C-alpha atoms as a PDB file:
ATOM      1  CA  MET A   1     117.366  56.198 135.818  1.00  0.00           C
ATOM      2  CA  ALA A   2     114.410  53.879 136.193  1.00  0.00           C
ATOM      3  CA  ASN A   3     115.239  51.215 138.736  1.00  0.00           C
ATOM      4  CA  GLY A   4     112.199  48.966 138.937  1.00  0.00           C
ATOM      5  CA  LEU A   5     111.392  48.557 135.291  1.00  0.00           C
ATOM      6  CA  LEU A   6     108.380  46.534 134.264  1.00  0.00           C
ATOM      7  CA  LEU A   7     108.741  44.196 131.368  1.00  0.00           C
ATOM      8  CA  GLY A   8     105.695  41.997 130.966  1.00  0.00           C
ATOM      9  CA  GLY A   9     105.529  40.025 127.791  1.00  0.00           C
ATOM     10  CA  ALA A  10     107.492  38.249 125.169  1.00  0.00           C
ATOM     11  CA  VAL A  11     110.698  40.132 125.108  1.00  0.00           C
ATOM     12  CA  ALA A  12     112.300  38.814 121.878  1.00  0.00           C
ATOM     13  CA  ALA A  13     115.832  37.473 122.437  1.00  0.00           C
ATOM     14  CA  LEU A  14     119.490  38.056 121.703  1.00  0.00           C
ATOM     15  CA  ILE A  15     121.779  36.067 123.915  1.00  0.00           C
ATOM     16  CA  THR A  16     122.012  34.621 127.364  1.00  0.00           C
ATOM     17  CA  ALA A  17     123.286  31.595 129.384  1.00  0.00           C
ATOM     18  CA  ALA A  18     123.026  27.799 129.449  1.00  0.00           C
ATOM     19  CA  VAL A  19     120.136  26.115 127.667  1.00  0.00           C
ATOM     20  CA  PRO A  20     117.952  24.178 130.118  1.00  0.00           C
ATOM     21  CA  ALA A  21     119.087  20.588 130.458  1.00  0.00           C
ATOM     22  CA  HIS A  22     116.075  19.214 128.564  1.00  0.00           C
ATOM     23  CA  HIS A  23     115.087  21.024 125.386  1.00  0.00           C
ATOM     24  CA  SER A  24     111.870  19.045 125.053  1.00  0.00           C
ATOM     25  CA  SER A  25     109.816  21.767 126.718  1.00  0.00           C
ATOM     26  CA  PRO A  26     107.651  23.797 124.323  1.00  0.00           C
ATOM     27  CA  VAL A  27     108.901  27.073 122.928  1.00  0.00           C
ATOM     28  CA  PHE A  28     106.620  30.086 123.337  1.00  0.00           C
ATOM     29  CA  ASP A  29     106.130  32.744 120.670  1.00  0.00           C
ATOM     30  CA  ASN A  30     104.246  34.860 123.206  1.00  0.00           C
ATOM     31  CA  PRO A  31     105.640  36.070 126.512  1.00  0.00           C
ATOM     32  CA  PRO A  32     104.635  34.646 129.880  1.00  0.00           C
ATOM     33  CA  PRO A  33     101.303  36.102 131.063  1.00  0.00           C
ATOM     34  CA  ASP A  34     102.781  37.487 134.285  1.00  0.00           C
ATOM     35  CA  ARG A  35     104.595  40.778 134.607  1.00  0.00           C
ATOM     36  CA  ILE A  36     108.358  40.842 134.130  1.00  0.00           C
ATOM     37  CA  VAL A  37     110.425  43.228 136.238  1.00  0.00           C
ATOM     38  CA  ILE A  38     113.891  44.528 135.349  1.00  0.00           C
ATOM     39  CA  ASP A  39     116.038  46.136 138.024  1.00  0.00           C
ATOM     40  CA  VAL A  40     119.204  47.979 137.082  1.00  0.00           C
ATOM     41  CA  ALA A  41     121.878  46.705 139.459  1.00  0.00           C
ATOM     42  CA  THR A  42     124.767  48.824 138.135  1.00  0.00           C
ATOM     43  CA  VAL A  43     125.643  51.079 135.205  1.00  0.00           C
ATOM     44  CA  ASN A  44     129.354  51.724 134.740  1.00  0.00           C
ATOM     45  CA  GLY A  45     131.640  53.086 132.056  1.00  0.00           C
ATOM     46  CA  SER A  46     133.051  56.157 130.366  1.00  0.00           C
ATOM     47  CA  GLY A  47     130.194  56.099 127.856  1.00  0.00           C
ATOM     48  CA  CYS A  48     127.450  56.198 130.480  1.00  0.00           C
ATOM     49  CA  PRO A  49     128.403  58.495 133.384  1.00  0.00           C
ATOM     50  CA  ALA A  50     125.955  58.627 136.279  1.00  0.00           C
ATOM     51  CA  GLY A  51     122.568  59.888 135.183  1.00  0.00           C
ATOM     52  CA  THR A  52     123.196  59.587 131.417  1.00  0.00           C
ATOM     53  CA  ALA A  53     121.694  56.144 130.703  1.00  0.00           C
ATOM     54  CA  ALA A  54     118.129  54.964 131.279  1.00  0.00           C
ATOM     55  CA  VAL A  55     116.306  51.671 130.813  1.00  0.00           C
ATOM     56  CA  ALA A  56     112.634  51.406 129.851  1.00  0.00           C
ATOM     57  CA  VAL A  57     110.240  48.701 128.692  1.00  0.00           C
ATOM     58  CA  SER A  58     108.099  48.811 125.562  1.00  0.00           C
ATOM     59  CA  GLU A  59     104.329  49.176 125.953  1.00  0.00           C
ATOM     60  CA  ASP A  60     103.739  45.761 124.394  1.00  0.00           C
ATOM     61  CA  ASN A  61     106.324  44.195 126.708  1.00  0.00           C
ATOM     62  CA  THR A  62     108.312  42.714 123.845  1.00  0.00           C
ATOM     63  CA  ALA A  63     111.603  44.568 124.369  1.00  0.00           C
ATOM     64  CA  PHE A  64     113.543  46.825 126.677  1.00  0.00           C
ATOM     65  CA  THR A  65     115.345  49.980 125.597  1.00  0.00           C
ATOM     66  CA  VAL A  66     118.513  51.645 126.841  1.00  0.00           C
ATOM     67  CA  THR A  67     118.841  55.357 126.079  1.00  0.00           C
ATOM     68  CA  TYR A  68     122.177  57.209 126.323  1.00  0.00           C
ATOM     69  CA  SER A  69     122.777  60.961 126.424  1.00  0.00           C
ATOM     70  CA  ASP A  70     126.579  61.171 126.709  1.00  0.00           C
ATOM     71  CA  TYR A  71     128.023  58.245 124.744  1.00  0.00           C
ATOM     72  CA  LEU A  72     130.665  59.776 122.422  1.00  0.00           C
ATOM     73  CA  ALA A  73     134.072  58.530 121.226  1.00  0.00           C
ATOM     74  CA  GLN A  74     136.353  60.801 119.196  1.00  0.00           C
ATOM     75  CA  VAL A  75     139.908  61.401 117.948  1.00  0.00           C
ATOM     76  CA  GLY A  76     141.769  64.239 116.258  1.00  0.00           C
ATOM     77  CA  GLY A  77     141.916  67.974 116.803  1.00  0.00           C
ATOM     78  CA  GLY A  78     141.969  68.781 120.509  1.00  0.00           C
ATOM     79  CA  SER A  79     140.339  65.515 121.586  1.00  0.00           C
ATOM     80  CA  ASN A  80     141.365  64.017 124.899  1.00  0.00           C
ATOM     81  CA  PRO A  81     143.830  61.152 124.211  1.00  0.00           C
ATOM     82  CA  THR A  82     141.552  58.728 126.088  1.00  0.00           C
ATOM     83  CA  ALA A  83     138.373  59.790 124.251  1.00  0.00           C
ATOM     84  CA  PHE A  84     138.967  57.422 121.301  1.00  0.00           C
ATOM     85  CA  ARG A  85     137.273  54.597 123.242  1.00  0.00           C
ATOM     86  CA  LYS A  86     134.102  54.720 125.329  1.00  0.00           C
ATOM     87  CA  ASN A  87     132.277  51.825 126.943  1.00  0.00           C
ATOM     88  CA  CYS A  88     129.281  51.035 129.093  1.00  0.00           C
ATOM     89  CA  GLN A  89     128.410  47.974 131.162  1.00  0.00           C
ATOM     90  CA  LEU A  90     124.830  47.338 132.243  1.00  0.00           C
ATOM     91  CA  ASN A  91     124.192  44.789 134.986  1.00  0.00           C
ATOM     92  CA  LEU A  92     120.493  43.895 134.943  1.00  0.00           C
ATOM     93  CA  ILE A  93     118.393  41.815 137.316  1.00  0.00           C
ATOM     94  CA  VAL A  94     115.599  40.266 135.258  1.00  0.00           C
ATOM     95  CA  HIS A  95     112.742  38.836 137.327  1.00  0.00           C
ATOM     96  CA  VAL A  96     110.794  36.346 135.211  1.00  0.00           C
ATOM     97  CA  PRO A  97     107.687  34.315 136.027  1.00  0.00           C
ATOM     98  CA  SER A  98     108.330  30.949 137.638  1.00  0.00           C
ATOM     99  CA  GLY A  99     108.856  28.171 135.114  1.00  0.00           C
ATOM    100  CA  PHE A 100     110.199  30.353 132.294  1.00  0.00           C
ATOM    101  CA  THR A 101     113.608  31.271 130.931  1.00  0.00           C
ATOM    102  CA  TYR A 102     114.678  33.910 128.422  1.00  0.00           C
ATOM    103  CA  ALA A 103     117.404  34.761 125.928  1.00  0.00           C
ATOM    104  CA  ILE A 104     118.325  37.856 123.920  1.00  0.00           C
ATOM    105  CA  ALA A 105     117.794  37.096 120.231  1.00  0.00           C
ATOM    106  CA  LYS A 106     118.224  40.534 118.708  1.00  0.00           C
ATOM    107  CA  ALA A 107     119.674  43.924 119.618  1.00  0.00           C
ATOM    108  CA  ASP A 108     119.317  47.148 117.636  1.00  0.00           C
ATOM    109  CA  TYR A 109     121.887  49.931 118.045  1.00  0.00           C
ATOM    110  CA  ARG A 110     121.730  53.446 116.609  1.00  0.00           C
ATOM    111  CA  GLY A 111     123.786  56.624 116.663  1.00  0.00           C
ATOM    112  CA  TYR A 112     125.634  59.144 114.537  1.00  0.00           C
ATOM    113  CA  ALA A 113     129.152  59.056 113.096  1.00  0.00           C
ATOM    114  CA  SER A 114     131.375  61.629 111.429  1.00  0.00           C
ATOM    115  CA  LEU A 115     134.531  59.949 110.177  1.00  0.00           C
ATOM    116  CA  GLN A 116     137.224  61.674 108.139  1.00  0.00           C
ATOM    117  CA  SER A 117     138.670  59.957 105.075  1.00  0.00           C
ATOM    118  CA  GLY A 118     141.149  57.366 106.354  1.00  0.00           C
ATOM    119  CA  ALA A 119     139.528  57.101 109.792  1.00  0.00           C
ATOM    120  CA  SER A 120     137.529  54.109 111.040  1.00  0.00           C
ATOM    121  CA  ALA A 121     135.291  53.117 113.930  1.00  0.00           C
ATOM    122  CA  VAL A 122     133.850  50.002 115.532  1.00  0.00           C
ATOM    123  CA  GLN A 123     130.767  49.386 117.628  1.00  0.00           C
ATOM    124  CA  ARG A 124     131.084  46.280 119.787  1.00  0.00           C
ATOM    125  CA  ALA A 125     128.776  44.504 122.186  1.00  0.00           C
ATOM    126  CA  SER A 126     128.997  41.411 124.353  1.00  0.00           C
ATOM    127  CA  TYR A 127     126.382  39.605 126.403  1.00  0.00           C
ATOM    128  CA  TYR A 128     126.647  37.098 129.218  1.00  0.00           C
ATOM    129  CA  PHE A 129     124.995  35.865 132.401  1.00  0.00           C
ATOM    130  CA  GLN A 130     126.707  36.331 135.729  1.00  0.00           C
ATOM    131  CA  GLY A 131     128.913  33.336 136.420  1.00  0.00           C
ATOM    132  CA  SER A 132     128.684  32.032 132.867  1.00  0.00           C
ATOM    133  CA  SER A 133     131.705  31.278 130.716  1.00  0.00           C
ATOM    134  CA  GLN A 134     129.617  31.823 127.579  1.00  0.00           C
ATOM    135  CA  THR A 135     130.226  35.344 126.283  1.00  0.00           C
ATOM    136  CA  VAL A 136     129.013  36.386 122.853  1.00  0.00           C
ATOM    137  CA  PHE A 137     130.782  39.253 121.041  1.00  0.00           C
ATOM    138  CA  LYS A 138     129.380  41.173 118.072  1.00  0.00           C
ATOM    139  CA  ASN A 139     131.386  43.765 116.079  1.00  0.00           C
ATOM    140  CA  HIS A 140     130.247  46.329 113.487  1.00  0.00           C
ATOM    141  CA  ASN A 141     132.893  48.261 111.529  1.00  0.00           C
ATOM    142  CA  PHE A 142     132.610  51.676 109.842  1.00  0.00           C
ATOM    143  CA  SER A 143     135.068  53.450 107.519  1.00  0.00           C
ATOM    144  CA  GLY A 144     135.551  57.097 106.566  1.00  0.00           C
ATOM    145  CA  SER A 145     134.694  59.197 104.930  1.00  0.00           C
ATOM    146  CA  TYR A 146     131.293  58.904 106.618  1.00  0.00           C
ATOM    147  CA  ASN A 147     128.928  61.544 107.936  1.00  0.00           C
ATOM    148  CA  ASP A 148     125.493  60.154 108.742  1.00  0.00           C
ATOM    149  CA  ASN A 149     123.322  58.233 111.170  1.00  0.00           C
ATOM    150  CA  TRP A 150     124.328  54.619 111.662  1.00  0.00           C
ATOM    151  CA  GLN A 151     122.415  51.528 112.713  1.00  0.00           C
ATOM    152  CA  ALA A 152     123.637  48.050 113.599  1.00  0.00           C
ATOM    153  CA  THR A 153     121.734  44.897 114.510  1.00  0.00           C
ATOM    154  CA  ASP A 154     122.979  41.816 116.330  1.00  0.00           C
ATOM    155  CA  THR A 155     120.951  38.673 115.714  1.00  0.00           C
ATOM    156  CA  THR A 156     121.328  35.108 116.929  1.00  0.00           C
ATOM    157  CA  ASP A 157     119.750  32.013 115.354  1.00  0.00           C
ATOM    158  CA  TRP A 158     117.319  30.172 117.591  1.00  0.00           C
ATOM    159  CA  ALA A 159     119.552  27.096 117.778  1.00  0.00           C
ATOM    160  CA  GLN A 160     122.450  29.232 119.034  1.00  0.00           C
ATOM    161  CA  LEU A 161     120.619  31.232 121.692  1.00  0.00           C
ATOM    162  CA  VAL A 162     122.112  31.126 125.164  1.00  0.00           C
ATOM    163  CA  TRP A 163     119.335  30.800 127.732  1.00  0.00           C
ATOM    164  CA  ALA A 164     119.207  32.001 131.317  1.00  0.00           C
ATOM    165  CA  PRO A 165     119.609  29.035 133.685  1.00  0.00           C
ATOM    166  CA  CYS A 166     116.318  27.807 135.111  1.00  0.00           C
ATOM    167  CA  GLY A 167     115.624  27.973 138.814  1.00  0.00           C
ATOM    168  CA  VAL A 168     118.370  30.445 139.773  1.00  0.00           C
ATOM    169  CA  GLN A 169     118.741  34.206 139.621  1.00  0.00           C
ATOM    170  CA  ARG A 170     121.664  35.278 137.439  1.00  0.00           C
ATOM    171  CA  ASN A 171     122.222  38.913 136.531  1.00  0.00           C
ATOM    172  CA  PHE A 172     122.427  39.674 132.827  1.00  0.00           C
ATOM    173  CA  ASN A 173     125.382  41.770 131.636  1.00  0.00           C
ATOM    174  CA  ILE A 174     125.518  43.879 128.490  1.00  0.00           C
ATOM    175  CA  ASN A 175     128.848  45.462 127.567  1.00  0.00           C
ATOM    176  CA  THR A 176     128.964  47.976 124.710  1.00  0.00           C
ATOM    177  CA  GLU A 177     131.911  49.876 123.250  1.00  0.00           C
ATOM    178  CA  LEU A 178     132.581  52.592 120.699  1.00  0.00           C
ATOM    179  CA  ARG A 179     136.125  52.961 119.356  1.00  0.00           C
ATOM    180  CA  VAL A 180     137.380  55.500 116.791  1.00  0.00           C
ATOM    181  CA  ASN A 181     140.750  55.198 115.013  1.00  0.00           C
ATOM    182  CA  ALA A 182     142.280  58.197 113.251  1.00  0.00           C
ATOM    183  CA  GLY A 183     144.103  55.949 110.770  1.00  0.00           C
ATOM    184  CA  SER A 184     145.556  57.994 107.915  1.00  0.00           C
ATOM    185  CA  SER A 185     143.232  60.973 108.439  1.00  0.00           C
ATOM    186  CA  SER A 186     144.614  64.420 109.232  1.00  0.00           C
ATOM    187  CA  PRO A 187     145.502  64.734 112.953  1.00  0.00           C
ATOM    188  CA  SER A 188     143.950  68.201 112.994  1.00  0.00           C
ATOM    189  CA  LYS A 189     140.495  66.939 111.972  1.00  0.00           C
ATOM    190  CA  VAL A 190     138.049  65.367 114.396  1.00  0.00           C
ATOM    191  CA  SER A 191     136.353  62.029 113.789  1.00  0.00           C
ATOM    192  CA  PHE A 192     133.671  60.866 116.202  1.00  0.00           C
ATOM    193  CA  MET A 193     130.950  58.290 116.808  1.00  0.00           C
ATOM    194  CA  THR A 194     128.008  58.516 119.183  1.00  0.00           C
ATOM    195  CA  MET A 195     125.429  56.182 120.577  1.00  0.00           C
ATOM    196  CA  ASP A 196     123.041  59.035 121.353  1.00  0.00           C
ATOM    197  CA  SER A 197     121.652  62.187 119.718  1.00  0.00           C
ATOM    198  CA  THR A 198     121.527  65.933 120.339  1.00  0.00           C
ATOM    199  CA  ASP A 199     118.316  65.468 122.285  1.00  0.00           C
ATOM    200  CA  GLY A 200     119.407  62.196 123.861  1.00  0.00           C
ATOM    201  CA  ASP A 201     116.572  60.358 122.168  1.00  0.00           C
ATOM    202  CA  LEU A 202     118.431  57.656 120.251  1.00  0.00           C
ATOM    203  CA  SER A 203     118.416  54.344 121.992  1.00  0.00           C
ATOM    204  CA  THR A 204     119.396  50.700 121.918  1.00  0.00           C
ATOM    205  CA  VAL A 205     116.635  48.090 121.843  1.00  0.00           C
ATOM    206  CA  TYR A 206     117.046  44.532 123.120  1.00  0.00           C
ATOM    207  CA  HIS A 207     114.481  41.951 122.003  1.00  0.00           C
ATOM    208  CA  MET A 208     113.903  38.837 124.085  1.00  0.00           C
ATOM    209  CA  ALA A 209     112.602  35.316 123.513  1.00  0.00           C
ATOM    210  CA  TRP A 210     110.916  33.040 126.026  1.00  0.00           C
ATOM    211  CA  GLN A 211     110.895  29.323 126.696  1.00  0.00           C
ATOM    212  CA  GLN A 212     109.295  27.141 129.351  1.00  0.00           C
ATOM    213  CA  CYS A 213     111.705  25.460 131.739  1.00  0.00           C
ATOM    214  CA  PRO A 214     111.629  21.647 131.909  1.00  0.00           C
ATOM    215  CA  ALA A 215     109.485  20.178 134.663  1.00  0.00           C
ATOM    216  CA  LYS A 216     111.433  19.102 137.718  1.00  0.00           C
END
């Protein structure tokens, strides 16, 4: 897994912590000119065992991507009783240029689902800054029968963005979850949902937005 990930640019946003005290500072459509660095502090969860999740930054520095290779929830047949729910928590240290703050405004999730008639699934994500009481949850529901790729997007209006606090370093946490429910489907048939692909190339993209902190 990449540990010192470079993110230099206007990473478009999805969610994050307290808006700076004074919102009179100008909002920037373009990212800060200096390089942004993302360090992965921890990766934990049944959906992202060690070595199965990686973080990278786009070439234009407008987003970062998380790729999973073993993120699968399933029920039915001979499935492990605990396999119906998988989760992953990413704890990221985002180093931003002095005088700027960021928020996550959009997140794109992709995967594949095979749900029997009567079965259902949910993809869930939450976002928050370390030490913040503001946690944003987003849910996307799927119903069987379904056998295809899936895609879900979380978006947040500009006025509702939660910004990283200015002047302090707070780790950014992203929690994701896949949950599959057998419902009224046949217990002998397997239903599953992934946030990966056979070649491990499907990924989740987080877009960030930038704003200048108020002058002290």
